[in-house]
Amino acid sequence: MAPRDGGPLGGEQRFSVYTGAELASDAAIPTAAQLGLEPPRYCGQCGRRMIVQIDPVGWWAQCSRHGRIHSNEIAGYR
C-alpha cells in the first residue's frame, strides 16, 4: 500500500527523508536506509524532523504538519 497523499512520505517529495536536505540528483542515501534498516527521520514534504518510534514489529513516524505514517503502510512503496 502506498502512503496516503499529503502524508510525510506522500505527495511531492522535496526533501530527503533520511537527511532532511533538499533533494538533488547527487544526494547520497545512507547504507542502512538502502538496506531498509533505517526508518525515515525527516518529512519528505517540509523537511521537518519527525518523531519516530521503533518497536519489534515496525515503526511509525509523525510530522507535526503532515501527520503519521506506519511502516506497514509503505511495504509496497519501498
N, C-alpha and C. Protein backbone atom coordinates (compact mmCIF):
# COMPACT_ATOMS: atom_id res chain seq x y z
N MET A 1 0.85 -1.18 0.00
CA MET A 1 0.00 0.00 0.00
C MET A 1 0.89 1.24 0.00
N ALA A 2 0.64 2.16 -0.87
CA ALA A 2 1.41 3.40 -0.96
C ALA A 2 0.97 4.37 0.13
N PRO A 3 1.86 5.27 0.56
CA PRO A 3 1.49 6.24 1.57
C PRO A 3 0.34 7.12 1.08
N ARG A 4 -0.50 7.53 2.00
CA ARG A 4 -1.63 8.37 1.63
C ARG A 4 -1.13 9.75 1.18
N ASP A 5 -1.84 10.35 0.24
CA ASP A 5 -1.46 11.67 -0.25
C ASP A 5 -1.47 12.66 0.90
N GLY A 6 -0.48 13.53 0.93
CA GLY A 6 -0.41 14.54 1.95
C GLY A 6 0.32 14.11 3.20
N GLY A 7 0.66 12.84 3.33
CA GLY A 7 1.40 12.36 4.50
C GLY A 7 2.87 12.71 4.37
N PRO A 8 3.67 12.38 5.38
CA PRO A 8 5.10 12.71 5.36
C PRO A 8 5.85 12.14 4.17
N LEU A 9 5.41 10.98 3.66
CA LEU A 9 6.08 10.37 2.52
C LEU A 9 5.21 10.38 1.27
N GLY A 10 4.05 10.99 1.34
CA GLY A 10 3.15 11.07 0.20
C GLY A 10 3.32 12.39 -0.53
N GLY A 11 2.70 12.51 -1.66
CA GLY A 11 2.78 13.76 -2.42
C GLY A 11 4.16 13.97 -3.02
N GLU A 12 4.45 15.19 -3.37
CA GLU A 12 5.73 15.53 -3.98
C GLU A 12 6.83 15.61 -2.92
N GLN A 13 7.87 14.80 -3.08
CA GLN A 13 8.98 14.79 -2.14
C GLN A 13 9.98 15.89 -2.51
N ARG A 14 10.22 16.81 -1.58
CA ARG A 14 11.18 17.90 -1.83
C ARG A 14 12.43 17.75 -0.98
N PHE A 15 12.35 16.92 0.07
CA PHE A 15 13.47 16.76 1.00
C PHE A 15 13.79 15.29 1.19
N SER A 16 15.04 14.98 1.48
CA SER A 16 15.45 13.61 1.77
C SER A 16 14.85 13.20 3.11
N VAL A 17 14.22 12.04 3.17
CA VAL A 17 13.61 11.58 4.42
C VAL A 17 14.66 11.05 5.40
N TYR A 18 15.90 10.90 4.96
CA TYR A 18 16.96 10.39 5.83
C TYR A 18 17.92 11.47 6.31
N THR A 19 18.06 12.57 5.55
CA THR A 19 18.99 13.63 5.93
C THR A 19 18.32 14.98 6.16
N GLY A 20 17.14 15.19 5.60
CA GLY A 20 16.45 16.46 5.72
C GLY A 20 16.92 17.50 4.72
N ALA A 21 17.92 17.16 3.90
CA ALA A 21 18.44 18.09 2.90
C ALA A 21 17.52 18.10 1.68
N GLU A 22 17.54 19.22 0.94
CA GLU A 22 16.75 19.27 -0.29
C GLU A 22 17.25 18.21 -1.25
N LEU A 23 16.30 17.59 -1.97
CA LEU A 23 16.66 16.53 -2.90
C LEU A 23 17.47 17.07 -4.06
N ALA A 24 18.48 16.33 -4.42
CA ALA A 24 19.32 16.65 -5.57
C ALA A 24 19.67 15.33 -6.24
N SER A 25 20.03 15.38 -7.50
CA SER A 25 20.33 14.15 -8.22
C SER A 25 21.56 13.43 -7.65
N ASP A 26 22.47 14.17 -7.01
CA ASP A 26 23.68 13.56 -6.48
C ASP A 26 23.61 13.29 -4.97
N ALA A 27 22.42 13.39 -4.36
CA ALA A 27 22.27 13.17 -2.92
C ALA A 27 22.49 11.70 -2.59
N ALA A 28 23.33 11.44 -1.60
CA ALA A 28 23.63 10.07 -1.18
C ALA A 28 22.59 9.59 -0.17
N ILE A 29 22.21 8.33 -0.29
CA ILE A 29 21.30 7.70 0.67
C ILE A 29 22.14 6.83 1.58
N PRO A 30 22.00 6.98 2.91
CA PRO A 30 22.80 6.17 3.84
C PRO A 30 22.63 4.67 3.56
N THR A 31 23.69 3.90 3.80
CA THR A 31 23.68 2.47 3.52
C THR A 31 22.58 1.75 4.27
N ALA A 32 22.39 2.05 5.55
CA ALA A 32 21.34 1.40 6.34
C ALA A 32 19.96 1.67 5.74
N ALA A 33 19.77 2.85 5.21
CA ALA A 33 18.49 3.19 4.58
C ALA A 33 18.30 2.41 3.28
N GLN A 34 19.38 2.25 2.53
CA GLN A 34 19.30 1.47 1.29
C GLN A 34 18.91 0.02 1.57
N LEU A 35 19.34 -0.51 2.70
CA LEU A 35 19.03 -1.88 3.08
C LEU A 35 17.66 -2.02 3.73
N GLY A 36 16.98 -0.89 3.97
CA GLY A 36 15.67 -0.93 4.59
C GLY A 36 15.72 -1.06 6.10
N LEU A 37 16.87 -0.75 6.71
CA LEU A 37 17.04 -0.90 8.14
C LEU A 37 16.79 0.39 8.91
N GLU A 38 16.65 1.49 8.23
CA GLU A 38 16.51 2.80 8.86
C GLU A 38 15.17 3.42 8.50
N PRO A 39 14.37 3.81 9.50
CA PRO A 39 13.11 4.49 9.18
C PRO A 39 13.38 5.93 8.76
N PRO A 40 12.44 6.55 8.08
CA PRO A 40 12.63 7.96 7.71
C PRO A 40 12.66 8.83 8.96
N ARG A 41 13.53 9.81 8.98
CA ARG A 41 13.67 10.70 10.15
C ARG A 41 13.17 12.11 9.87
N TYR A 42 13.01 12.46 8.60
CA TYR A 42 12.58 13.80 8.20
C TYR A 42 11.38 13.69 7.27
N CYS A 43 10.50 14.67 7.31
CA CYS A 43 9.34 14.71 6.43
C CYS A 43 9.82 15.02 5.01
N GLY A 44 9.35 14.24 4.05
CA GLY A 44 9.74 14.43 2.66
C GLY A 44 9.12 15.66 2.02
N GLN A 45 8.04 16.18 2.62
CA GLN A 45 7.38 17.35 2.05
C GLN A 45 7.91 18.67 2.60
N CYS A 46 8.19 18.73 3.92
CA CYS A 46 8.60 20.01 4.51
C CYS A 46 10.01 19.99 5.11
N GLY A 47 10.62 18.81 5.25
CA GLY A 47 11.98 18.72 5.77
C GLY A 47 12.09 18.80 7.29
N ARG A 48 10.96 18.87 7.99
CA ARG A 48 10.99 18.93 9.45
C ARG A 48 11.39 17.57 10.04
N ARG A 49 12.07 17.60 11.17
CA ARG A 49 12.41 16.39 11.90
C ARG A 49 11.13 15.76 12.42
N MET A 50 10.98 14.44 12.23
CA MET A 50 9.78 13.76 12.67
C MET A 50 10.03 13.02 13.98
N ILE A 51 8.97 12.79 14.73
CA ILE A 51 9.01 11.93 15.91
C ILE A 51 8.96 10.51 15.38
N VAL A 52 9.92 9.66 15.77
CA VAL A 52 9.98 8.28 15.29
C VAL A 52 9.96 7.33 16.48
N GLN A 53 9.11 6.31 16.40
CA GLN A 53 9.04 5.28 17.42
C GLN A 53 9.28 3.94 16.75
N ILE A 54 10.26 3.20 17.25
CA ILE A 54 10.59 1.89 16.69
C ILE A 54 10.20 0.82 17.71
N ASP A 55 9.54 -0.24 17.23
CA ASP A 55 9.20 -1.36 18.10
C ASP A 55 9.56 -2.67 17.37
N PRO A 56 9.41 -3.82 18.01
CA PRO A 56 9.84 -5.08 17.39
C PRO A 56 9.15 -5.43 16.07
N VAL A 57 7.96 -4.93 15.83
CA VAL A 57 7.24 -5.30 14.61
C VAL A 57 7.21 -4.20 13.56
N GLY A 58 7.85 -3.08 13.79
CA GLY A 58 7.85 -1.99 12.82
C GLY A 58 8.20 -0.66 13.45
N TRP A 59 7.69 0.41 12.85
CA TRP A 59 7.93 1.76 13.35
C TRP A 59 6.81 2.67 12.87
N TRP A 60 6.73 3.85 13.48
CA TRP A 60 5.87 4.91 12.96
C TRP A 60 6.65 6.21 13.06
N ALA A 61 6.34 7.13 12.16
CA ALA A 61 6.98 8.44 12.14
C ALA A 61 5.90 9.50 11.98
N GLN A 62 6.03 10.60 12.72
CA GLN A 62 4.99 11.64 12.70
C GLN A 62 5.59 13.02 12.48
N CYS A 63 5.07 13.70 11.47
CA CYS A 63 5.42 15.09 11.18
C CYS A 63 4.36 15.97 11.84
N SER A 64 4.77 17.07 12.42
CA SER A 64 3.81 17.96 13.08
C SER A 64 2.86 18.62 12.09
N ARG A 65 3.23 18.67 10.81
CA ARG A 65 2.40 19.31 9.79
C ARG A 65 1.67 18.32 8.88
N HIS A 66 2.29 17.15 8.63
CA HIS A 66 1.74 16.23 7.62
C HIS A 66 1.25 14.90 8.17
N GLY A 67 1.25 14.72 9.46
CA GLY A 67 0.66 13.53 10.05
C GLY A 67 1.62 12.37 10.24
N ARG A 68 1.03 11.20 10.45
CA ARG A 68 1.77 10.00 10.83
C ARG A 68 1.74 8.95 9.72
N ILE A 69 2.82 8.19 9.63
CA ILE A 69 2.89 7.05 8.71
C ILE A 69 3.47 5.86 9.47
N HIS A 70 2.94 4.68 9.18
CA HIS A 70 3.39 3.44 9.81
C HIS A 70 4.21 2.63 8.80
N SER A 71 5.13 1.82 9.31
CA SER A 71 5.97 1.02 8.42
C SER A 71 5.15 0.08 7.55
N ASN A 72 4.05 -0.43 8.04
CA ASN A 72 3.24 -1.35 7.23
C ASN A 72 2.52 -0.63 6.09
N GLU A 73 2.43 0.70 6.12
CA GLU A 73 1.79 1.46 5.05
C GLU A 73 2.69 1.61 3.83
N ILE A 74 4.00 1.43 3.99
CA ILE A 74 4.89 1.66 2.86
C ILE A 74 5.53 0.38 2.34
N ALA A 75 4.98 -0.77 2.67
CA ALA A 75 5.56 -2.05 2.23
C ALA A 75 5.72 -2.09 0.72
N GLY A 76 4.73 -1.66 -0.04
CA GLY A 76 4.82 -1.67 -1.49
C GLY A 76 5.49 -0.44 -2.06
N TYR A 77 5.77 0.54 -1.22
CA TYR A 77 6.35 1.81 -1.67
C TYR A 77 7.85 1.73 -1.82
N ARG A 78 8.51 0.94 -0.97
CA ARG A 78 9.98 0.86 -0.99
C ARG A 78 10.49 0.29 -2.26
